[in-house]
């Protein structure tokens, strides 16, 4: 499963695996893919440094990367003043806070213990937090820096290139892909509508070749709804130089969801059990459909706030829902590929399945092409 990009990065398979779990990212790199650690949950630089130290010890010398979130549009104060987290918190209307309290009370969600801090803070959506993460990351031999929401700022791209780090950015349309190319991005991740997390409105089968044509000769990775070797073969046939997989790793044995109930919901979910909702971050993000997403998407409610206000608003609520495993509200970002995630398996077993499926697809196409040539 080699492409020009995979050879450039020194990996055996052109499979890029995004995950918030260091153990999963390291296992992806050891299996011959390219593990990409999501940094958004690291609010303390020391925590990120700890896990990058762990990665260094467990990738067996294989390359890996980091994914940050630096939104193209920022919440700013008067005269473009930079805002602190407290400044942003103060912008949240009391009516929205009451809606959260009422929704949690309706489902009997217990309070956190006195003095217990929320374990789910989306301050990583704020640019300064991401910059602090980069100050840590560039001390490590990362080979790729990915940004999930638009192109990173120009100075970040220059800094990465100065350290021989490739820069990738996710795109939901050919227009976005061209903007990334103009910004000096090295790799475009064409993320289709089917994907988990933040995603646009164009399906992968349409988006991938459009993005390839839009930014050629820049390499494109296909993302969204991919969870089999046959789908990887299709992505490469459409011109992609690899695939970007995220949801598929959530039910691997190395993943640390801290919730057997949530793992059970993922294993039981079908491809129609997700929804694009602004409930989690303020931007459309595909996730399991729950009574929590239904409440926020109900026209009779107050509606969601823009990023990063929504993430800060719901942070403690999400922590409480997860800690007490309140089933009707319990969810997570995940793509439509969740319908294929029916068992817990090690990362290596997932890779074995992907490579076997890829070989089957290539053999099938070769047979078809051979018969076509004889007719």
Protein backbone atom coordinates (compact mmCIF):
# COMPACT_ATOMS: atom_id res chain seq x y z
CA UNK A 1 0.00 0.00 0.00
CA UNK A 2 2.76 2.36 -1.07
CA UNK A 3 2.39 5.81 -2.60
CA UNK A 4 4.80 8.65 -3.27
CA UNK A 5 3.76 10.25 0.04
CA UNK A 6 4.14 7.10 2.10
CA UNK A 7 7.63 6.58 0.66
CA UNK A 8 8.53 10.19 1.48
CA UNK A 9 7.50 9.66 5.11
CA UNK A 10 9.10 6.23 5.35
CA UNK A 11 5.96 4.26 6.20
CA UNK A 12 4.90 0.85 4.89
CA UNK A 13 1.21 1.60 4.37
CA UNK A 14 -0.37 4.89 3.27
CA UNK A 15 -2.71 4.82 6.28
CA UNK A 16 -2.73 7.87 8.54
CA UNK A 17 -4.48 7.28 11.84
CA UNK A 18 -5.78 10.19 13.89
CA UNK A 19 -6.52 9.46 17.54
CA UNK A 20 -6.59 11.21 20.93
CA UNK A 21 -4.92 8.19 22.54
CA UNK A 22 -1.09 7.91 22.59
CA UNK A 23 -1.23 4.11 22.82
CA UNK A 24 -3.33 3.94 19.65
CA UNK A 25 -1.14 6.43 17.77
CA UNK A 26 2.00 4.51 18.69
CA UNK A 27 0.43 1.18 17.67
CA UNK A 28 -0.58 2.66 14.29
CA UNK A 29 3.00 3.74 13.63
CA UNK A 30 4.38 0.37 14.76
CA UNK A 31 1.95 -1.40 12.41
CA UNK A 32 3.43 0.44 9.44
CA UNK A 33 1.03 3.36 9.25
CA UNK A 34 1.42 6.92 10.45
CA UNK A 35 0.03 7.68 13.91
CA UNK A 36 -1.25 11.23 14.49
CA UNK A 37 -1.92 12.23 18.10
CA UNK A 38 -4.78 14.68 18.65
CA UNK A 39 -3.66 17.49 20.94
CA UNK A 40 -6.91 19.32 21.59
CA UNK A 41 -7.55 17.74 24.99
CA UNK A 42 -4.14 18.75 26.37
CA UNK A 43 -4.79 21.94 28.29
CA UNK A 44 -1.50 21.66 30.20
CA UNK A 45 1.75 21.63 28.17
CA UNK A 46 3.35 19.27 30.70
CA UNK A 47 0.66 16.65 29.99
CA UNK A 48 1.38 16.79 26.26
CA UNK A 49 5.11 16.54 26.91
CA UNK A 50 4.53 13.48 29.11
CA UNK A 51 2.58 11.69 26.39
CA UNK A 52 5.03 12.66 23.63
CA UNK A 53 7.80 11.24 25.82
CA UNK A 54 5.75 8.04 26.02
CA UNK A 55 5.25 8.05 22.25
CA UNK A 56 9.00 8.35 21.69
CA UNK A 57 9.52 5.24 23.79
CA UNK A 58 6.82 3.18 22.07
CA UNK A 59 6.88 3.92 18.32
CA UNK A 60 10.05 1.83 17.83
CA UNK A 61 11.61 4.62 15.80
CA UNK A 62 8.67 4.91 13.40
CA UNK A 63 7.42 8.39 12.38
CA UNK A 64 4.39 10.06 13.92
CA UNK A 65 2.66 13.44 13.94
CA UNK A 66 0.45 15.81 15.91
CA UNK A 67 -2.98 17.29 15.19
CA UNK A 68 -3.96 20.67 16.66
CA UNK A 69 -7.03 22.86 16.31
CA UNK A 70 -6.44 26.47 15.32
CA UNK A 71 -9.75 27.86 14.01
CA UNK A 72 -9.52 30.21 11.05
CA UNK A 73 -12.10 32.46 12.75
CA UNK A 74 -11.31 33.58 16.28
CA UNK A 75 -13.35 35.17 19.04
CA UNK A 76 -11.72 38.52 19.71
CA UNK A 77 -12.36 41.55 21.87
CA UNK A 78 -12.52 45.20 20.82
CA UNK A 79 -9.70 46.26 18.44
CA UNK A 80 -8.79 42.58 17.88
CA UNK A 81 -7.80 42.20 21.52
CA UNK A 82 -6.77 38.68 22.49
CA UNK A 83 -9.17 37.19 25.00
CA UNK A 84 -8.37 34.96 27.95
CA UNK A 85 -10.44 31.90 28.78
CA UNK A 86 -12.15 33.92 31.53
CA UNK A 87 -13.02 36.63 29.00
CA UNK A 88 -14.61 34.05 26.72
CA UNK A 89 -16.47 32.39 29.59
CA UNK A 90 -17.99 35.76 30.48
CA UNK A 91 -19.52 35.97 26.99
CA UNK A 92 -21.76 32.93 27.57
CA UNK A 93 -25.40 34.01 28.12
CA UNK A 94 -27.06 32.96 31.35
CA UNK A 95 -29.99 31.52 29.38
CA UNK A 96 -27.67 28.95 27.79
CA UNK A 97 -26.21 28.03 31.17
CA UNK A 98 -29.73 27.50 32.51
CA UNK A 99 -30.57 25.30 29.52
CA UNK A 100 -27.61 23.08 30.38
CA UNK A 101 -28.67 22.87 34.03
CA UNK A 102 -32.24 22.04 33.08
CA UNK A 103 -31.22 19.33 30.60
CA UNK A 104 -28.92 17.65 33.11
CA UNK A 105 -31.55 17.86 35.84
CA UNK A 106 -34.16 16.30 33.55
CA UNK A 107 -31.95 13.22 33.23
CA UNK A 108 -30.83 13.15 36.85
CA UNK A 109 -27.14 13.71 36.11
CA UNK A 110 -25.24 14.03 39.42
CA UNK A 111 -22.94 16.95 40.17
CA UNK A 112 -19.18 16.50 40.19
CA UNK A 113 -17.68 16.09 43.63
CA UNK A 114 -16.81 19.33 45.41
CA UNK A 115 -13.49 20.63 44.11
CA UNK A 116 -13.42 18.16 41.22
CA UNK A 117 -12.44 19.88 37.97
CA UNK A 118 -14.03 19.11 34.65
CA UNK A 119 -11.95 16.58 32.74
CA UNK A 120 -13.26 17.72 29.38
CA UNK A 121 -12.17 21.25 28.58
CA UNK A 122 -12.20 22.38 24.96
CA UNK A 123 -9.83 25.28 25.51
CA UNK A 124 -7.75 23.74 22.75
CA UNK A 125 -10.08 25.50 20.32
CA UNK A 126 -8.42 28.73 21.43
CA UNK A 127 -5.39 29.71 19.35
CA UNK A 128 -3.07 30.49 22.25
CA UNK A 129 -3.63 27.05 23.77
CA UNK A 130 -2.71 25.45 20.43
CA UNK A 131 0.40 27.64 20.21
CA UNK A 132 1.46 26.45 23.66
CA UNK A 133 1.02 22.89 22.44
CA UNK A 134 3.24 23.62 19.44
CA UNK A 135 5.96 25.05 21.70
CA UNK A 136 6.09 21.58 23.25
CA UNK A 137 5.63 19.55 20.08
CA UNK A 138 8.45 21.16 18.13
CA UNK A 139 10.89 19.88 20.75
CA UNK A 140 10.06 16.36 19.51
CA UNK A 141 10.88 14.73 16.15
CA UNK A 142 7.33 14.93 14.80
CA UNK A 143 7.15 14.54 11.01
CA UNK A 144 3.71 16.03 10.43
CA UNK A 145 1.60 18.82 11.88
CA UNK A 146 -2.09 18.71 10.99
CA UNK A 147 -4.72 21.37 11.62
CA UNK A 148 -8.35 20.36 11.83
CA UNK A 149 -10.00 23.73 11.08
CA UNK A 150 -8.54 25.58 8.13
CA UNK A 151 -4.92 26.39 7.37
CA UNK A 152 -2.70 27.18 10.36
CA UNK A 153 -1.46 30.77 10.63
CA UNK A 154 1.37 31.59 8.20
CA UNK A 155 3.97 31.84 10.96
CA UNK A 156 3.08 28.35 12.18
CA UNK A 157 3.50 26.95 8.66
CA UNK A 158 6.89 28.65 8.36
CA UNK A 159 7.97 27.37 11.76
CA UNK A 160 7.03 23.81 10.83
CA UNK A 161 8.83 24.01 7.50
CA UNK A 162 11.93 25.43 9.19
CA UNK A 163 12.01 22.21 11.23
CA UNK A 164 11.34 19.98 8.20
CA UNK A 165 7.85 19.15 9.46
CA UNK A 166 5.17 18.67 6.81
CA UNK A 167 1.89 20.54 7.34
CA UNK A 168 -1.54 19.05 6.61
CA UNK A 169 -4.94 20.68 6.79
CA UNK A 170 -8.43 19.23 6.55
CA UNK A 171 -10.72 20.44 3.77
CA UNK A 172 -14.42 19.88 3.21
CA UNK A 173 -14.54 21.30 -0.32
CA UNK A 174 -12.32 21.87 -3.34
CA UNK A 175 -12.43 25.59 -2.51
CA UNK A 176 -11.02 24.92 0.94
CA UNK A 177 -8.37 22.67 -0.58
CA UNK A 178 -7.21 25.43 -2.93
CA UNK A 179 -6.99 27.87 -0.01
CA UNK A 180 -4.76 25.39 1.79
CA UNK A 181 -2.52 25.07 -1.26
CA UNK A 182 -2.25 28.85 -1.50
CA UNK A 183 -1.28 28.96 2.18
CA UNK A 184 1.69 26.65 1.60
CA UNK A 185 0.17 23.49 3.05
CA UNK A 186 1.98 20.27 2.06
CA UNK A 187 -0.90 17.77 2.35
CA UNK A 188 -4.64 18.26 1.97
CA UNK A 189 -6.93 15.92 3.91
CA UNK A 190 -10.19 15.79 1.93
CA UNK A 191 -12.71 14.98 4.64
CA UNK A 192 -16.13 13.93 3.42
CA UNK A 193 -19.55 14.36 4.96
CA UNK A 194 -19.43 10.83 6.42
CA UNK A 195 -16.53 11.63 8.74
CA UNK A 196 -16.63 11.90 12.50
CA UNK A 197 -15.99 15.24 14.17
CA UNK A 198 -15.96 18.52 12.27
CA UNK A 199 -16.97 17.91 8.69
CA UNK A 200 -18.61 19.59 5.73
CA UNK A 201 -21.48 18.65 3.45
CA UNK A 202 -19.82 16.90 0.47
CA UNK A 203 -19.50 13.12 0.40
CA UNK A 204 -16.10 11.46 0.10
CA UNK A 205 -16.75 9.89 -3.32
CA UNK A 206 -17.37 13.35 -4.77
CA UNK A 207 -14.90 15.34 -2.66
CA UNK A 208 -11.77 13.21 -3.08
CA UNK A 209 -11.34 13.55 -6.87
CA UNK A 210 -12.41 17.20 -6.74
CA UNK A 211 -9.70 17.95 -4.18
CA UNK A 212 -7.12 15.94 -6.12
CA UNK A 213 -7.83 17.96 -9.26
CA UNK A 214 -7.91 21.24 -7.34
CA UNK A 215 -4.46 21.01 -5.75
CA UNK A 216 -2.44 18.73 -8.04
CA UNK A 217 0.42 17.91 -7.65
CA UNK A 218 0.00 18.32 -3.86
CA UNK A 219 -0.83 14.99 -2.20
CA UNK A 220 -4.39 14.43 -0.96
CA UNK A 221 -5.49 12.05 1.78
CA UNK A 222 -9.06 10.76 1.62
CA UNK A 223 -11.06 10.85 4.86
CA UNK A 224 -14.62 10.14 5.89
CA UNK A 225 -16.48 6.84 5.90
CA UNK A 226 -13.37 4.73 5.26
CA UNK A 227 -12.99 1.58 7.32
CA UNK A 228 -12.05 -1.25 4.96
CA UNK A 229 -9.21 -2.12 2.62
CA UNK A 230 -11.61 -2.04 -0.31
CA UNK A 231 -12.46 1.57 0.52
CA UNK A 232 -8.76 2.40 0.73
CA UNK A 233 -8.26 0.96 -2.75
CA UNK A 234 -11.17 3.08 -3.99
CA UNK A 235 -9.63 6.21 -2.45
CA UNK A 236 -6.29 5.56 -4.15
CA UNK A 237 -8.11 4.89 -7.42
CA UNK A 238 -9.69 8.34 -7.08
CA UNK A 239 -6.24 9.90 -6.91
CA UNK A 240 -5.59 10.09 -3.17
CA UNK A 241 -2.10 9.25 -1.93
CA UNK A 242 -3.38 7.74 1.27
CA UNK A 243 -6.25 7.69 3.73
CA UNK A 244 -6.90 9.49 7.01
CA UNK A 245 -8.80 7.30 9.47
CA UNK A 246 -10.09 8.42 12.86
CA UNK A 247 -13.30 6.76 14.03
CA UNK A 248 -12.11 3.24 13.30
CA UNK A 249 -9.63 3.28 16.18
CA UNK A 250 -12.18 4.12 18.90
CA UNK A 251 -13.04 0.47 19.49
CA UNK A 252 -9.48 -0.86 19.40
CA UNK A 253 -8.21 -2.48 22.58
CA UNK A 254 -5.54 0.22 22.93
CA UNK A 255 -8.16 3.01 23.04
CA UNK A 256 -8.93 4.46 26.46
CA UNK A 257 -12.50 5.75 26.38
CA UNK A 258 -12.85 5.36 30.18
CA UNK A 259 -16.40 4.09 29.65
CA UNK A 260 -17.56 0.57 28.92
CA UNK A 261 -21.03 1.97 28.35
CA UNK A 262 -19.75 4.26 25.59
CA UNK A 263 -17.76 1.45 23.98
CA UNK A 264 -20.92 -0.65 24.06
CA UNK A 265 -22.92 2.10 22.34
CA UNK A 266 -20.30 2.36 19.58
CA UNK A 267 -20.26 -1.40 19.01
CA UNK A 268 -24.06 -1.48 18.81
CA UNK A 269 -24.50 1.60 16.61
CA UNK A 270 -25.37 1.46 12.93
CA UNK A 271 -24.25 3.81 10.19
CA UNK A 272 -27.50 5.76 10.56
CA UNK A 273 -27.03 6.43 14.28
CA UNK A 274 -24.89 9.56 13.92
CA UNK A 275 -25.81 13.20 13.36
CA UNK A 276 -24.01 16.40 12.38
CA UNK A 277 -24.64 18.67 15.34
CA UNK A 278 -23.17 21.86 16.79
CA UNK A 279 -23.90 20.60 20.32
CA UNK A 280 -20.31 19.78 21.22
CA UNK A 281 -18.22 22.66 19.88
CA UNK A 282 -20.43 25.16 18.09
CA UNK A 283 -19.38 23.92 14.64
CA UNK A 284 -21.08 21.03 12.80
CA UNK A 285 -19.48 17.82 14.03
CA UNK A 286 -20.65 14.28 13.34
CA UNK A 287 -21.26 12.31 16.54
CA UNK A 288 -23.51 9.66 18.00
CA UNK A 289 -27.07 10.90 18.08
CA UNK A 290 -28.28 11.14 21.67
CA UNK A 291 -30.89 12.97 23.67
CA UNK A 292 -28.15 15.55 24.33
CA UNK A 293 -27.72 16.33 20.60
CA UNK A 294 -31.50 16.23 20.15
CA UNK A 295 -31.94 18.84 22.90
CA UNK A 296 -29.47 21.24 21.32
CA UNK A 297 -30.85 20.73 17.82
CA UNK A 298 -34.46 21.26 18.93
CA UNK A 299 -35.75 24.56 17.43
CA UNK A 300 -37.50 25.31 20.72
CA UNK A 301 -34.16 25.48 22.54
CA UNK A 302 -31.73 28.40 22.75
CA UNK A 303 -29.51 27.13 19.95
CA UNK A 304 -25.77 26.59 20.12
CA UNK A 305 -23.10 29.25 20.58
CA UNK A 306 -20.14 29.83 18.23
CA UNK A 307 -16.78 28.18 18.84
CA UNK A 308 -15.18 28.28 21.38
CA UNK A 309 -18.11 29.41 23.57
CA UNK A 310 -20.15 26.24 23.07
CA UNK A 311 -17.27 23.98 24.05
CA UNK A 312 -16.63 25.95 27.21
CA UNK A 313 -20.35 26.02 28.02
CA UNK A 314 -20.83 22.25 27.86
CA UNK A 315 -17.43 21.14 29.20
CA UNK A 316 -18.54 20.33 32.74
CA UNK A 317 -21.81 18.83 31.53
CA UNK A 318 -20.01 16.44 29.18
CA UNK A 319 -17.65 15.45 32.01
CA UNK A 320 -20.60 14.65 34.26
CA UNK A 321 -22.41 12.69 31.54
CA UNK A 322 -19.29 10.65 30.85
CA UNK A 323 -18.32 10.10 34.49
CA UNK A 324 -21.76 8.84 35.49
CA UNK A 325 -22.39 7.10 32.12
CA UNK A 326 -25.84 8.63 31.68
CA UNK A 327 -26.86 6.46 28.76
CA UNK A 328 -29.46 8.66 27.00
CA UNK A 329 -26.98 11.56 26.87
CA UNK A 330 -23.73 9.61 26.42
CA UNK A 331 -22.06 10.12 23.08
CA UNK A 332 -18.82 10.89 21.25
CA UNK A 333 -17.67 12.21 17.88
CA UNK A 334 -17.72 9.32 15.41
CA UNK A 335 -18.32 8.87 11.70
CA UNK A 336 -20.84 6.81 9.77
CA UNK A 337 -18.26 4.02 9.60
CA UNK A 338 -19.37 3.18 13.16
CA UNK A 339 -21.67 0.59 11.58
CA UNK A 340 -18.60 -1.51 10.75
CA UNK A 341 -17.11 -1.18 14.24
CA UNK A 342 -18.71 -4.29 15.71
CA UNK A 343 -15.90 -5.77 17.82
CA UNK A 344 -12.94 -4.71 19.93
CA UNK A 345 -9.66 -5.58 18.25
CA UNK A 346 -6.01 -4.59 18.61
CA UNK A 347 -4.71 -1.97 16.18
CA UNK A 348 -2.56 -4.59 14.48
CA UNK A 349 -5.62 -6.74 13.79
CA UNK A 350 -7.34 -3.75 12.22
CA UNK A 351 -4.30 -3.21 10.00
CA UNK A 352 -4.26 -6.87 9.00
CA UNK A 353 -7.90 -6.61 7.98
CA UNK A 354 -7.28 -3.40 6.03
CA UNK A 355 -4.34 -4.81 4.11
CA UNK A 356 -6.18 -8.05 3.27
CA UNK A 357 -9.18 -6.07 2.02
CA UNK A 358 -6.90 -3.85 -0.06
CA UNK A 359 -5.31 -6.90 -1.68
CA UNK A 360 -8.74 -8.39 -2.44
CA UNK A 361 -9.85 -5.16 -4.10
CA UNK A 362 -6.70 -4.86 -6.19
CA UNK A 363 -6.98 -8.49 -7.30
CA UNK A 364 -10.64 -7.96 -8.21
CA UNK A 365 -9.87 -4.89 -10.33
CA UNK A 366 -6.97 -6.68 -12.00
CA UNK A 367 -9.26 -9.55 -12.94
CA UNK A 368 -11.86 -7.13 -14.31
CA UNK A 369 -9.22 -5.26 -16.27
CA UNK A 370 -7.86 -8.52 -17.61
CA UNK A 371 -11.26 -9.67 -18.81
CA UNK A 372 -11.91 -6.26 -20.35
CA UNK A 373 -8.69 -6.51 -22.30
CA UNK A 374 -9.71 -9.86 -23.79
CA UNK A 375 -13.20 -8.79 -24.89
